[in-house]
Amino acid sequence: MTNTESSLFGVRFVGSGSAVPDRVLTNIDLAQMVDTTDEWIASRTGIRARHIADGDEDSVANLAAQAGQKAIAAAGLTPQDIDLIILSTSTSDDLFGTAGRVQQILGAERAVAFDLVAACSGFVFGLVTASQYIRTGVYKNVLLIGADVLSRWVDWEDRRTCILFGDGAGAVVLQASSEIKPENNLLGFEMRSDGKGNNLLNINYSGRSTFEPISMNGQEVYRFAVRRVPEVIEKSLHYANLEIHDLDWLILHQANQRIIDAVVNRLDCDPAKAVSNMGKYGNTSAASIPIALDEWVQAGKIQPDHLIAIAGFGAGLSWGSAVFRWG
């Protein structure tokens, strides 16, 4: 039995959307701020630019709502059709949560809304969470949003971290298939956590009613991702009764091109199937997978019935994967 069986309702993926701030900060711009170069950053990360929030209009709530509006429209729905909003974010505008504000902006008055915090794994964890509400028949239309504004928590004098992060939001609408034809397009998933590595990537409370900037042990995070991410992808493929060569697309969290290349190599996956857009956006945490997904959908690369594996990994430590059929 797979981990998606034994339910009356299936899950379909019916719309996507994304939003990023207008302001672009290039590597050349960063070279004017810290001791670095475009070549140094690009060769080590694959990143050449990132979108940076500029004022209240680029809040997590506003970016999330923009992405959500596009996803709802792409699904052929209205905000009133949405039953549940899950906002995966680690940079909430409000420590009490931001999903309610997103609900208000969207005008999705019927929807229950809550935040989910799992850092760069947030979109994968949110997708699995959303699917359980659908599979058990509780909700029909779920809006899942990954949104982060990490530039708030970057030390712009620390060249080890300031080169990595960008801001943005991405969203998908998940919908219950009919009871008559309970087609389930979420084919398999796997989620894991290891708190022993919690100190490797943090935004710590400082004890002065604020938080410290992002701190990261990049070398250890790299080792963790390259070792653990292929395992969960293989596990989710196993649950889906698929092999890596069956996939049309592999969308990893857009943290570092070297990580993507290493995971692709370990899985013996066709590199042409590995989605990468971090060159334009940097690491947008929970937003990175849905932004990449939406970009490929809008470009006509992802088509209905395409098989997609996604994998997120990051602070916690947490990591997870899901395999699904688009549409």
C-alpha atoms as a PDB file:
ATOM      1  CA  MET A   1       0.000   0.000   0.000  1.00  0.00           C
ATOM      2  CA  THR A   2       1.270   3.478  -0.838  1.00  0.00           C
ATOM      3  CA  ASN A   3       1.001   6.412   1.534  1.00  0.00           C
ATOM      4  CA  THR A   4      -1.779   7.983  -0.568  1.00  0.00           C
ATOM      5  CA  GLU A   5      -4.271   5.091  -0.679  1.00  0.00           C
ATOM      6  CA  SER A   6      -7.420   4.301   1.346  1.00  0.00           C
ATOM      7  CA  SER A   7      -9.507   7.421   0.804  1.00  0.00           C
ATOM      8  CA  LEU A   8     -12.719   8.420  -0.953  1.00  0.00           C
ATOM      9  CA  PHE A   9     -11.267  11.563  -2.526  1.00  0.00           C
ATOM     10  CA  GLY A  10      -8.311  12.138  -4.791  1.00  0.00           C
ATOM     11  CA  VAL A  11      -6.149  15.257  -5.097  1.00  0.00           C
ATOM     12  CA  ARG A  12      -5.791  17.273  -8.281  1.00  0.00           C
ATOM     13  CA  PHE A  13      -3.448  20.185  -9.021  1.00  0.00           C
ATOM     14  CA  VAL A  14      -5.481  22.764 -10.912  1.00  0.00           C
ATOM     15  CA  GLY A  15      -3.725  26.137 -10.853  1.00  0.00           C
ATOM     16  CA  SER A  16      -0.488  27.940 -10.031  1.00  0.00           C
ATOM     17  CA  GLY A  17       0.712  31.494  -9.522  1.00  0.00           C
ATOM     18  CA  SER A  18       3.705  33.459  -8.291  1.00  0.00           C
ATOM     19  CA  ALA A  19       4.803  36.965  -7.360  1.00  0.00           C
ATOM     20  CA  VAL A  20       8.138  38.655  -6.645  1.00  0.00           C
ATOM     21  CA  PRO A  21       9.097  42.221  -5.698  1.00  0.00           C
ATOM     22  CA  ASP A  22      10.007  44.596  -8.507  1.00  0.00           C
ATOM     23  CA  ARG A  23      13.382  45.522  -7.037  1.00  0.00           C
ATOM     24  CA  VAL A  24      16.244  43.390  -8.391  1.00  0.00           C
ATOM     25  CA  LEU A  25      19.597  43.137  -6.634  1.00  0.00           C
ATOM     26  CA  THR A  26      22.287  41.703  -8.901  1.00  0.00           C
ATOM     27  CA  ASN A  27      25.627  40.205  -7.979  1.00  0.00           C
ATOM     28  CA  ILE A  28      27.253  43.307  -9.406  1.00  0.00           C
ATOM     29  CA  ASP A  29      25.155  45.409  -7.013  1.00  0.00           C
ATOM     30  CA  LEU A  30      26.249  43.198  -4.115  1.00  0.00           C
ATOM     31  CA  ALA A  31      29.888  43.645  -5.096  1.00  0.00           C
ATOM     32  CA  GLN A  32      29.447  47.319  -4.236  1.00  0.00           C
ATOM     33  CA  MET A  33      28.245  46.347  -0.743  1.00  0.00           C
ATOM     34  CA  VAL A  34      30.549  43.503   0.344  1.00  0.00           C
ATOM     35  CA  ASP A  35      33.854  42.002  -0.751  1.00  0.00           C
ATOM     36  CA  THR A  36      32.647  39.694  -3.521  1.00  0.00           C
ATOM     37  CA  THR A  37      32.276  39.442  -7.299  1.00  0.00           C
ATOM     38  CA  ASP A  38      29.650  38.268  -9.747  1.00  0.00           C
ATOM     39  CA  GLU A  39      31.919  35.428 -10.862  1.00  0.00           C
ATOM     40  CA  TRP A  40      32.584  34.280  -7.289  1.00  0.00           C
ATOM     41  CA  ILE A  41      28.876  34.143  -6.396  1.00  0.00           C
ATOM     42  CA  ALA A  42      27.694  32.584  -9.656  1.00  0.00           C
ATOM     43  CA  SER A  43      30.379  29.910  -9.739  1.00  0.00           C
ATOM     44  CA  ARG A  44      29.618  28.764  -6.186  1.00  0.00           C
ATOM     45  CA  THR A  45      25.830  29.109  -6.110  1.00  0.00           C
ATOM     46  CA  GLY A  46      24.416  29.595  -9.606  1.00  0.00           C
ATOM     47  CA  ILE A  47      22.786  32.823  -8.420  1.00  0.00           C
ATOM     48  CA  ARG A  48      23.174  36.049 -10.410  1.00  0.00           C
ATOM     49  CA  ALA A  49      20.269  38.137  -9.091  1.00  0.00           C
ATOM     50  CA  ARG A  50      17.490  38.143  -6.533  1.00  0.00           C
ATOM     51  CA  HIS A  51      14.274  40.134  -5.985  1.00  0.00           C
ATOM     52  CA  ILE A  52      14.266  42.134  -2.749  1.00  0.00           C
ATOM     53  CA  ALA A  53      11.256  43.499  -0.859  1.00  0.00           C
ATOM     54  CA  ASP A  54      11.020  47.275  -0.915  1.00  0.00           C
ATOM     55  CA  GLY A  55       8.501  48.675   1.562  1.00  0.00           C
ATOM     56  CA  ASP A  56       5.151  47.519   2.936  1.00  0.00           C
ATOM     57  CA  GLU A  57       3.792  46.721  -0.519  1.00  0.00           C
ATOM     58  CA  ASP A  58       6.190  43.765  -0.612  1.00  0.00           C
ATOM     59  CA  SER A  59       5.054  42.271   2.682  1.00  0.00           C
ATOM     60  CA  VAL A  60       4.662  38.503   2.979  1.00  0.00           C
ATOM     61  CA  ALA A  61       0.883  38.989   3.013  1.00  0.00           C
ATOM     62  CA  ASN A  62       0.812  41.062  -0.167  1.00  0.00           C
ATOM     63  CA  LEU A  63       3.183  38.820  -2.110  1.00  0.00           C
ATOM     64  CA  ALA A  64       1.308  35.726  -0.941  1.00  0.00           C
ATOM     65  CA  ALA A  65      -2.034  37.232  -1.923  1.00  0.00           C
ATOM     66  CA  GLN A  66      -0.758  38.178  -5.385  1.00  0.00           C
ATOM     67  CA  ALA A  67       0.477  34.633  -5.990  1.00  0.00           C
ATOM     68  CA  GLY A  68      -2.753  33.233  -4.578  1.00  0.00           C
ATOM     69  CA  GLN A  69      -4.930  35.409  -6.792  1.00  0.00           C
ATOM     70  CA  LYS A  70      -3.119  34.149  -9.881  1.00  0.00           C
ATOM     71  CA  ALA A  71      -3.393  30.517  -8.801  1.00  0.00           C
ATOM     72  CA  ILE A  72      -7.113  30.837  -8.058  1.00  0.00           C
ATOM     73  CA  ALA A  73      -7.728  32.463 -11.453  1.00  0.00           C
ATOM     74  CA  ALA A  74      -5.670  29.789 -13.233  1.00  0.00           C
ATOM     75  CA  ALA A  75      -7.819  27.149 -11.536  1.00  0.00           C
ATOM     76  CA  GLY A  76     -10.976  28.789 -12.886  1.00  0.00           C
ATOM     77  CA  LEU A  77     -12.205  29.547  -9.374  1.00  0.00           C
ATOM     78  CA  THR A  78     -13.038  32.595  -7.282  1.00  0.00           C
ATOM     79  CA  PRO A  79     -11.761  33.389  -3.781  1.00  0.00           C
ATOM     80  CA  GLN A  80     -15.189  32.417  -2.446  1.00  0.00           C
ATOM     81  CA  ASP A  81     -14.586  28.862  -3.680  1.00  0.00           C
ATOM     82  CA  ILE A  82     -11.541  28.383  -1.442  1.00  0.00           C
ATOM     83  CA  ASP A  83     -12.163  26.333   1.705  1.00  0.00           C
ATOM     84  CA  LEU A  84      -8.674  26.416   3.237  1.00  0.00           C
ATOM     85  CA  ILE A  85      -5.566  28.595   2.918  1.00  0.00           C
ATOM     86  CA  ILE A  86      -2.233  27.228   4.123  1.00  0.00           C
ATOM     87  CA  LEU A  87       0.576  29.775   4.145  1.00  0.00           C
ATOM     88  CA  SER A  88       4.005  28.163   4.408  1.00  0.00           C
ATOM     89  CA  THR A  89       6.344  30.876   5.669  1.00  0.00           C
ATOM     90  CA  SER A  90       9.131  31.388   8.170  1.00  0.00           C
ATOM     91  CA  THR A  91       9.113  35.188   7.866  1.00  0.00           C
ATOM     92  CA  SER A  92       5.603  36.078   8.911  1.00  0.00           C
ATOM     93  CA  ASP A  93       4.618  39.757   8.978  1.00  0.00           C
ATOM     94  CA  ASP A  94       3.067  39.070  12.380  1.00  0.00           C
ATOM     95  CA  LEU A  95       4.258  36.545  14.975  1.00  0.00           C
ATOM     96  CA  PHE A  96       0.610  35.619  15.485  1.00  0.00           C
ATOM     97  CA  GLY A  97       0.397  34.596  11.817  1.00  0.00           C
ATOM     98  CA  THR A  98      -0.118  36.112   8.377  1.00  0.00           C
ATOM     99  CA  ALA A  99      -2.540  33.680   6.696  1.00  0.00           C
ATOM    100  CA  GLY A 100      -5.560  35.550   8.065  1.00  0.00           C
ATOM    101  CA  ARG A 101      -4.336  38.747   6.446  1.00  0.00           C
ATOM    102  CA  VAL A 102      -3.907  36.881   3.147  1.00  0.00           C
ATOM    103  CA  GLN A 103      -7.484  35.616   3.455  1.00  0.00           C
ATOM    104  CA  GLN A 104      -8.683  39.185   3.974  1.00  0.00           C
ATOM    105  CA  ILE A 105      -6.780  40.572   0.985  1.00  0.00           C
ATOM    106  CA  LEU A 106      -8.081  37.802  -1.247  1.00  0.00           C
ATOM    107  CA  GLY A 107     -11.657  38.158  -0.024  1.00  0.00           C
ATOM    108  CA  ALA A 108     -11.767  34.414   0.608  1.00  0.00           C
ATOM    109  CA  GLU A 109     -14.325  34.811   3.386  1.00  0.00           C
ATOM    110  CA  ARG A 110     -15.289  31.125   3.537  1.00  0.00           C
ATOM    111  CA  ALA A 111     -11.727  29.873   3.957  1.00  0.00           C
ATOM    112  CA  VAL A 112     -10.036  28.718   7.118  1.00  0.00           C
ATOM    113  CA  ALA A 113      -6.487  30.101   7.124  1.00  0.00           C
ATOM    114  CA  PHE A 114      -3.352  29.249   9.059  1.00  0.00           C
ATOM    115  CA  ASP A 115       0.443  29.507   8.845  1.00  0.00           C
ATOM    116  CA  LEU A 116       2.755  26.505   8.599  1.00  0.00           C
ATOM    117  CA  VAL A 117       6.429  26.908   9.538  1.00  0.00           C
ATOM    118  CA  ALA A 118       8.945  24.447   8.102  1.00  0.00           C
ATOM    119  CA  ALA A 119      11.498  26.802   6.533  1.00  0.00           C
ATOM    120  CA  CYS A 120      12.694  25.704   3.087  1.00  0.00           C
ATOM    121  CA  SER A 121      10.749  22.436   3.388  1.00  0.00           C
ATOM    122  CA  GLY A 122       7.556  24.400   3.994  1.00  0.00           C
ATOM    123  CA  PHE A 123       5.965  23.993   0.594  1.00  0.00           C
ATOM    124  CA  VAL A 124       6.414  20.207   0.570  1.00  0.00           C
ATOM    125  CA  PHE A 125       5.140  19.884   4.135  1.00  0.00           C
ATOM    126  CA  GLY A 126       2.237  22.194   3.267  1.00  0.00           C
ATOM    127  CA  LEU A 127       1.356  20.163   0.201  1.00  0.00           C
ATOM    128  CA  VAL A 128       1.168  16.959   2.218  1.00  0.00           C
ATOM    129  CA  THR A 129      -0.867  18.709   4.922  1.00  0.00           C
ATOM    130  CA  ALA A 130      -3.294  20.181   2.377  1.00  0.00           C
ATOM    131  CA  SER A 131      -3.741  16.802   0.706  1.00  0.00           C
ATOM    132  CA  GLN A 132      -4.863  15.184   3.969  1.00  0.00           C
ATOM    133  CA  TYR A 133      -7.751  17.636   4.334  1.00  0.00           C
ATOM    134  CA  ILE A 134      -8.802  16.832   0.787  1.00  0.00           C
ATOM    135  CA  ARG A 135      -8.317  13.051   0.967  1.00  0.00           C
ATOM    136  CA  THR A 136     -10.463  12.811   4.092  1.00  0.00           C
ATOM    137  CA  GLY A 137     -13.261  14.843   2.507  1.00  0.00           C
ATOM    138  CA  VAL A 138     -12.998  17.828   4.862  1.00  0.00           C
ATOM    139  CA  TYR A 139     -12.266  20.459   2.191  1.00  0.00           C
ATOM    140  CA  LYS A 140     -12.655  20.605  -1.586  1.00  0.00           C
ATOM    141  CA  ASN A 141     -10.505  23.562  -2.693  1.00  0.00           C
ATOM    142  CA  VAL A 142      -7.250  24.355  -0.882  1.00  0.00           C
ATOM    143  CA  LEU A 143      -4.920  27.245  -1.655  1.00  0.00           C
ATOM    144  CA  LEU A 144      -1.339  26.422  -0.688  1.00  0.00           C
ATOM    145  CA  ILE A 145       1.123  29.323  -0.681  1.00  0.00           C
ATOM    146  CA  GLY A 146       4.846  29.368  -0.039  1.00  0.00           C
ATOM    147  CA  ALA A 147       6.050  32.895   0.727  1.00  0.00           C
ATOM    148  CA  ASP A 148       9.121  34.343   2.386  1.00  0.00           C
ATOM    149  CA  VAL A 149      10.815  37.731   2.728  1.00  0.00           C
ATOM    150  CA  LEU A 150      14.217  36.598   3.975  1.00  0.00           C
ATOM    151  CA  SER A 151      15.858  39.924   3.131  1.00  0.00           C
ATOM    152  CA  ARG A 152      14.442  41.188   6.434  1.00  0.00           C
ATOM    153  CA  TRP A 153      16.757  38.836   8.283  1.00  0.00           C
ATOM    154  CA  VAL A 154      19.925  39.038   6.195  1.00  0.00           C
ATOM    155  CA  ASP A 155      23.086  40.632   7.515  1.00  0.00           C
ATOM    156  CA  TRP A 156      24.075  42.631   4.443  1.00  0.00           C
ATOM    157  CA  GLU A 157      27.659  42.776   5.680  1.00  0.00           C
ATOM    158  CA  ASP A 158      27.985  38.979   5.835  1.00  0.00           C
ATOM    159  CA  ARG A 159      29.044  37.869   2.360  1.00  0.00           C
ATOM    160  CA  ARG A 160      28.536  34.193   3.257  1.00  0.00           C
ATOM    161  CA  THR A 161      24.757  34.621   3.542  1.00  0.00           C
ATOM    162  CA  CYS A 162      23.701  37.914   1.928  1.00  0.00           C
ATOM    163  CA  ILE A 163      24.511  36.558  -1.540  1.00  0.00           C
ATOM    164  CA  LEU A 164      22.029  33.689  -1.216  1.00  0.00           C
ATOM    165  CA  PHE A 165      18.580  34.918  -0.390  1.00  0.00           C
ATOM    166  CA  GLY A 166      15.720  36.576  -2.239  1.00  0.00           C
ATOM    167  CA  ASP A 167      12.037  37.289  -1.646  1.00  0.00           C
ATOM    168  CA  GLY A 168       8.867  36.026  -3.288  1.00  0.00           C
ATOM    169  CA  ALA A 169       5.767  33.857  -3.200  1.00  0.00           C
ATOM    170  CA  GLY A 170       4.350  30.940  -5.148  1.00  0.00           C
ATOM    171  CA  ALA A 171       1.013  29.177  -4.904  1.00  0.00           C
ATOM    172  CA  VAL A 172      -0.981  26.204  -6.116  1.00  0.00           C
ATOM    173  CA  VAL A 173      -4.630  25.249  -5.837  1.00  0.00           C
ATOM    174  CA  LEU A 174      -5.313  21.654  -4.834  1.00  0.00           C
ATOM    175  CA  GLN A 175      -8.787  20.318  -5.508  1.00  0.00           C
ATOM    176  CA  ALA A 176     -10.712  17.193  -4.586  1.00  0.00           C
ATOM    177  CA  SER A 177     -11.582  14.923  -7.454  1.00  0.00           C
ATOM    178  CA  SER A 178     -15.157  13.669  -7.633  1.00  0.00           C
ATOM    179  CA  GLU A 179     -16.380  10.741  -5.564  1.00  0.00           C
ATOM    180  CA  ILE A 180     -17.507   9.132  -8.821  1.00  0.00           C
ATOM    181  CA  LYS A 181     -13.985   9.258 -10.246  1.00  0.00           C
ATOM    182  CA  PRO A 182     -11.609   9.621  -7.272  1.00  0.00           C
ATOM    183  CA  GLU A 183      -8.462  10.141  -9.348  1.00  0.00           C
ATOM    184  CA  ASN A 184      -5.538  10.914  -7.055  1.00  0.00           C
ATOM    185  CA  ASN A 185      -2.680  12.841  -8.622  1.00  0.00           C
ATOM    186  CA  LEU A 186      -0.611  12.971  -5.434  1.00  0.00           C
ATOM    187  CA  LEU A 187       1.187   9.691  -5.961  1.00  0.00           C
ATOM    188  CA  GLY A 188       3.667   9.485  -3.091  1.00  0.00           C
ATOM    189  CA  PHE A 189       5.462  11.515  -0.440  1.00  0.00           C
ATOM    190  CA  GLU A 190       8.016  11.315   2.346  1.00  0.00           C
ATOM    191  CA  MET A 191       8.801  13.839   5.108  1.00  0.00           C
ATOM    192  CA  ARG A 192      11.596  13.750   7.673  1.00  0.00           C
ATOM    193  CA  SER A 193      13.147  15.854  10.454  1.00  0.00           C
ATOM    194  CA  ASP A 194      16.356  15.725  12.466  1.00  0.00           C
ATOM    195  CA  GLY A 195      16.537  18.180  15.334  1.00  0.00           C
ATOM    196  CA  LYS A 196      20.167  17.291  15.991  1.00  0.00           C
ATOM    197  CA  GLY A 197      21.029  19.592  13.091  1.00  0.00           C
ATOM    198  CA  ASN A 198      18.868  22.463  14.284  1.00  0.00           C
ATOM    199  CA  ASN A 199      21.864  24.687  14.973  1.00  0.00           C
ATOM    200  CA  LEU A 200      23.088  24.558  11.359  1.00  0.00           C
ATOM    201  CA  LEU A 201      20.595  27.108  10.022  1.00  0.00           C
ATOM    202  CA  ASN A 202      18.811  29.601  12.265  1.00  0.00           C
ATOM    203  CA  ILE A 203      17.166  32.953  12.807  1.00  0.00           C
ATOM    204  CA  ASN A 204      17.498  33.000  16.587  1.00  0.00           C
ATOM    205  CA  TYR A 205      15.554  35.065  19.080  1.00  0.00           C
ATOM    206  CA  SER A 206      18.006  37.534  20.603  1.00  0.00           C
ATOM    207  CA  GLY A 207      16.263  38.142  23.901  1.00  0.00           C
ATOM    208  CA  ARG A 208      15.800  41.821  23.050  1.00  0.00           C
ATOM    209  CA  SER A 209      12.347  41.564  21.458  1.00  0.00           C
ATOM    210  CA  THR A 210      13.919  40.873  18.099  1.00  0.00           C
ATOM    211  CA  PHE A 211      15.763  38.199  16.163  1.00  0.00           C
ATOM    212  CA  GLU A 212      19.347  37.794  15.049  1.00  0.00           C
ATOM    213  CA  PRO A 213      20.194  37.722  11.313  1.00  0.00           C
ATOM    214  CA  ILE A 214      20.336  34.419   9.470  1.00  0.00           C
ATOM    215  CA  SER A 215      23.211  32.189  10.544  1.00  0.00           C
ATOM    216  CA  MET A 216      24.196  29.147   8.502  1.00  0.00           C
ATOM    217  CA  ASN A 217      26.864  26.490   8.384  1.00  0.00           C
ATOM    218  CA  GLY A 218      26.860  26.281   4.597  1.00  0.00           C
ATOM    219  CA  GLN A 219      29.251  23.363   4.302  1.00  0.00           C
ATOM    220  CA  GLU A 220      27.258  21.141   6.654  1.00  0.00           C
ATOM    221  CA  VAL A 221      23.924  22.115   5.092  1.00  0.00           C
ATOM    222  CA  TYR A 222      25.355  21.184   1.694  1.00  0.00           C
ATOM    223  CA  ARG A 223      26.493  17.786   2.977  1.00  0.00           C
ATOM    224  CA  PHE A 224      23.121  17.158   4.604  1.00  0.00           C
ATOM    225  CA  ALA A 225      21.164  18.038   1.455  1.00  0.00           C
ATOM    226  CA  VAL A 226      23.287  15.996  -0.935  1.00  0.00           C
ATOM    227  CA  ARG A 227      23.070  12.956   1.335  1.00  0.00           C
ATOM    228  CA  ARG A 228      19.441  13.098   2.470  1.00  0.00           C
ATOM    229  CA  VAL A 229      17.455  14.610  -0.410  1.00  0.00           C
ATOM    230  CA  PRO A 230      18.010  11.716  -2.866  1.00  0.00           C
ATOM    231  CA  GLU A 231      16.759   9.322  -0.178  1.00  0.00           C
ATOM    232  CA  VAL A 232      13.373  10.992   0.229  1.00  0.00           C
ATOM    233  CA  ILE A 233      12.919  11.382  -3.527  1.00  0.00           C
ATOM    234  CA  GLU A 234      13.582   7.674  -3.996  1.00  0.00           C
ATOM    235  CA  LYS A 235      11.156   6.891  -1.157  1.00  0.00           C
ATOM    236  CA  SER A 236       8.355   8.998  -2.636  1.00  0.00           C
ATOM    237  CA  LEU A 237       8.988   7.420  -6.046  1.00  0.00           C
ATOM    238  CA  HIS A 238       8.773   3.995  -4.401  1.00  0.00           C
ATOM    239  CA  TYR A 239       5.375   4.852  -2.909  1.00  0.00           C
ATOM    240  CA  ALA A 240       4.276   6.041  -6.358  1.00  0.00           C
ATOM    241  CA  ASN A 241       5.522   2.829  -8.020  1.00  0.00           C
ATOM    242  CA  LEU A 242       7.709   4.934 -10.304  1.00  0.00           C
ATOM    243  CA  GLU A 243      11.374   5.185 -11.232  1.00  0.00           C
ATOM    244  CA  ILE A 244      13.420   8.341 -11.658  1.00  0.00           C
ATOM    245  CA  HIS A 245      13.357   7.987 -15.453  1.00  0.00           C
ATOM    246  CA  ASP A 246       9.525   8.092 -15.395  1.00  0.00           C
ATOM    247  CA  LEU A 247       9.557  11.729 -14.291  1.00  0.00           C
ATOM    248  CA  ASP A 248       9.022  14.625 -16.644  1.00  0.00           C
ATOM    249  CA  TRP A 249      10.379  17.169 -14.152  1.00  0.00           C
ATOM    250  CA  LEU A 250      12.379  17.307 -10.932  1.00  0.00           C
ATOM    251  CA  ILE A 251      11.921  20.522  -8.935  1.00  0.00           C
ATOM    252  CA  LEU A 252      14.260  20.861  -5.981  1.00  0.00           C
ATOM    253  CA  HIS A 253      14.349  23.715  -3.498  1.00  0.00           C
ATOM    254  CA  GLN A 254      16.391  26.387  -5.242  1.00  0.00           C
ATOM    255  CA  ALA A 255      19.188  26.767  -2.694  1.00  0.00           C
ATOM    256  CA  ASN A 256      22.374  26.175  -4.662  1.00  0.00           C
ATOM    257  CA  GLN A 257      23.043  24.914  -8.178  1.00  0.00           C
ATOM    258  CA  ARG A 258      25.791  22.664  -6.848  1.00  0.00           C
ATOM    259  CA  ILE A 259      23.250  20.887  -4.639  1.00  0.00           C
ATOM    260  CA  ILE A 260      20.879  20.383  -7.564  1.00  0.00           C
ATOM    261  CA  ASP A 261      23.701  19.033  -9.731  1.00  0.00           C
ATOM    262  CA  ALA A 262      24.877  16.659  -6.998  1.00  0.00           C
ATOM    263  CA  VAL A 263      21.361  15.317  -6.306  1.00  0.00           C
ATOM    264  CA  VAL A 264      20.693  14.847 -10.016  1.00  0.00           C
ATOM    265  CA  ASN A 265      23.961  12.943 -10.339  1.00  0.00           C
ATOM    266  CA  ARG A 266      23.213  10.679  -7.364  1.00  0.00           C
ATOM    267  CA  LEU A 267      19.743   9.883  -8.698  1.00  0.00           C
ATOM    268  CA  ASP A 268      21.067   9.311 -12.232  1.00  0.00           C
ATOM    269  CA  CYS A 269      18.400  11.722 -13.441  1.00  0.00           C
ATOM    270  CA  ASP A 270      18.460  13.412 -16.831  1.00  0.00           C
ATOM    271  CA  PRO A 271      19.830  16.923 -16.068  1.00  0.00           C
ATOM    272  CA  ALA A 272      17.437  18.392 -18.630  1.00  0.00           C
ATOM    273  CA  LYS A 273      14.548  17.423 -16.341  1.00  0.00           C
ATOM    274  CA  ALA A 274      15.951  19.313 -13.341  1.00  0.00           C
ATOM    275  CA  VAL A 275      14.272  22.715 -13.053  1.00  0.00           C
ATOM    276  CA  SER A 276      16.527  25.623 -12.097  1.00  0.00           C
ATOM    277  CA  ASN A 277      15.669  29.305 -11.905  1.00  0.00           C
ATOM    278  CA  MET A 278      17.752  30.370  -8.911  1.00  0.00           C
ATOM    279  CA  GLY A 279      19.919  32.443 -11.241  1.00  0.00           C
ATOM    280  CA  LYS A 280      17.109  35.024 -11.298  1.00  0.00           C
ATOM    281  CA  TYR A 281      15.594  34.631  -7.842  1.00  0.00           C
ATOM    282  CA  GLY A 282      18.144  33.228  -5.396  1.00  0.00           C
ATOM    283  CA  ASN A 283      16.968  31.158  -2.454  1.00  0.00           C
ATOM    284  CA  THR A 284      13.382  32.192  -1.654  1.00  0.00           C
ATOM    285  CA  SER A 285      12.880  29.486   0.990  1.00  0.00           C
ATOM    286  CA  ALA A 286       9.303  28.100   1.006  1.00  0.00           C
ATOM    287  CA  ALA A 287       8.547  30.080  -2.155  1.00  0.00           C
ATOM    288  CA  SER A 288      11.281  28.564  -4.320  1.00  0.00           C
ATOM    289  CA  ILE A 289       9.542  25.368  -5.436  1.00  0.00           C
ATOM    290  CA  PRO A 290       6.166  26.955  -6.304  1.00  0.00           C
ATOM    291  CA  ILE A 291       7.836  29.902  -8.072  1.00  0.00           C
ATOM    292  CA  ALA A 292       9.811  27.469 -10.229  1.00  0.00           C
ATOM    293  CA  LEU A 293       6.731  25.313 -10.798  1.00  0.00           C
ATOM    294  CA  ASP A 294       4.653  28.296 -11.896  1.00  0.00           C
ATOM    295  CA  GLU A 295       7.387  29.617 -14.179  1.00  0.00           C
ATOM    296  CA  TRP A 296       7.556  26.274 -15.981  1.00  0.00           C
ATOM    297  CA  VAL A 297       3.741  26.107 -16.189  1.00  0.00           C
ATOM    298  CA  GLN A 298       3.515  29.635 -17.613  1.00  0.00           C
ATOM    299  CA  ALA A 299       6.227  28.811 -20.145  1.00  0.00           C
ATOM    300  CA  GLY A 300       4.232  25.804 -21.345  1.00  0.00           C
ATOM    301  CA  LYS A 301       6.947  23.386 -20.275  1.00  0.00           C
ATOM    302  CA  ILE A 302       4.821  21.647 -17.644  1.00  0.00           C
ATOM    303  CA  GLN A 303       1.771  20.160 -19.314  1.00  0.00           C
ATOM    304  CA  PRO A 304      -1.263  18.271 -17.955  1.00  0.00           C
ATOM    305  CA  ASP A 305      -0.391  14.691 -16.944  1.00  0.00           C
ATOM    306  CA  HIS A 306       3.318  15.459 -16.573  1.00  0.00           C
ATOM    307  CA  LEU A 307       4.903  13.601 -13.670  1.00  0.00           C
ATOM    308  CA  ILE A 308       6.738  15.876 -11.239  1.00  0.00           C
ATOM    309  CA  ALA A 309       8.860  15.204  -8.168  1.00  0.00           C
ATOM    310  CA  ILE A 310       9.570  18.039  -5.755  1.00  0.00           C
ATOM    311  CA  ALA A 311      11.912  18.106  -2.766  1.00  0.00           C
ATOM    312  CA  GLY A 312      12.479  20.697  -0.064  1.00  0.00           C
ATOM    313  CA  PHE A 313      15.225  20.791   2.540  1.00  0.00           C
ATOM    314  CA  GLY A 314      16.514  23.195   5.133  1.00  0.00           C
ATOM    315  CA  ALA A 315      16.278  24.456   8.684  1.00  0.00           C
ATOM    316  CA  GLY A 316      15.033  22.158  11.367  1.00  0.00           C
ATOM    317  CA  LEU A 317      16.680  20.189   9.942  1.00  0.00           C
ATOM    318  CA  SER A 318      13.759  19.156   7.768  1.00  0.00           C
ATOM    319  CA  TRP A 319      13.448  17.599   4.357  1.00  0.00           C
ATOM    320  CA  GLY A 320      10.764  15.984   2.243  1.00  0.00           C
ATOM    321  CA  SER A 321       9.602  15.024  -1.219  1.00  0.00           C
ATOM    322  CA  ALA A 322       6.352  14.530  -3.095  1.00  0.00           C
ATOM    323  CA  VAL A 323       5.562  13.007  -6.481  1.00  0.00           C
ATOM    324  CA  PHE A 324       2.455  14.144  -8.335  1.00  0.00           C
ATOM    325  CA  ARG A 325       0.812  14.332 -11.731  1.00  0.00           C
ATOM    326  CA  TRP A 326       0.030  17.875 -12.862  1.00  0.00           C
ATOM    327  CA  GLY A 327      -3.652  18.490 -13.480  1.00  0.00           C
END
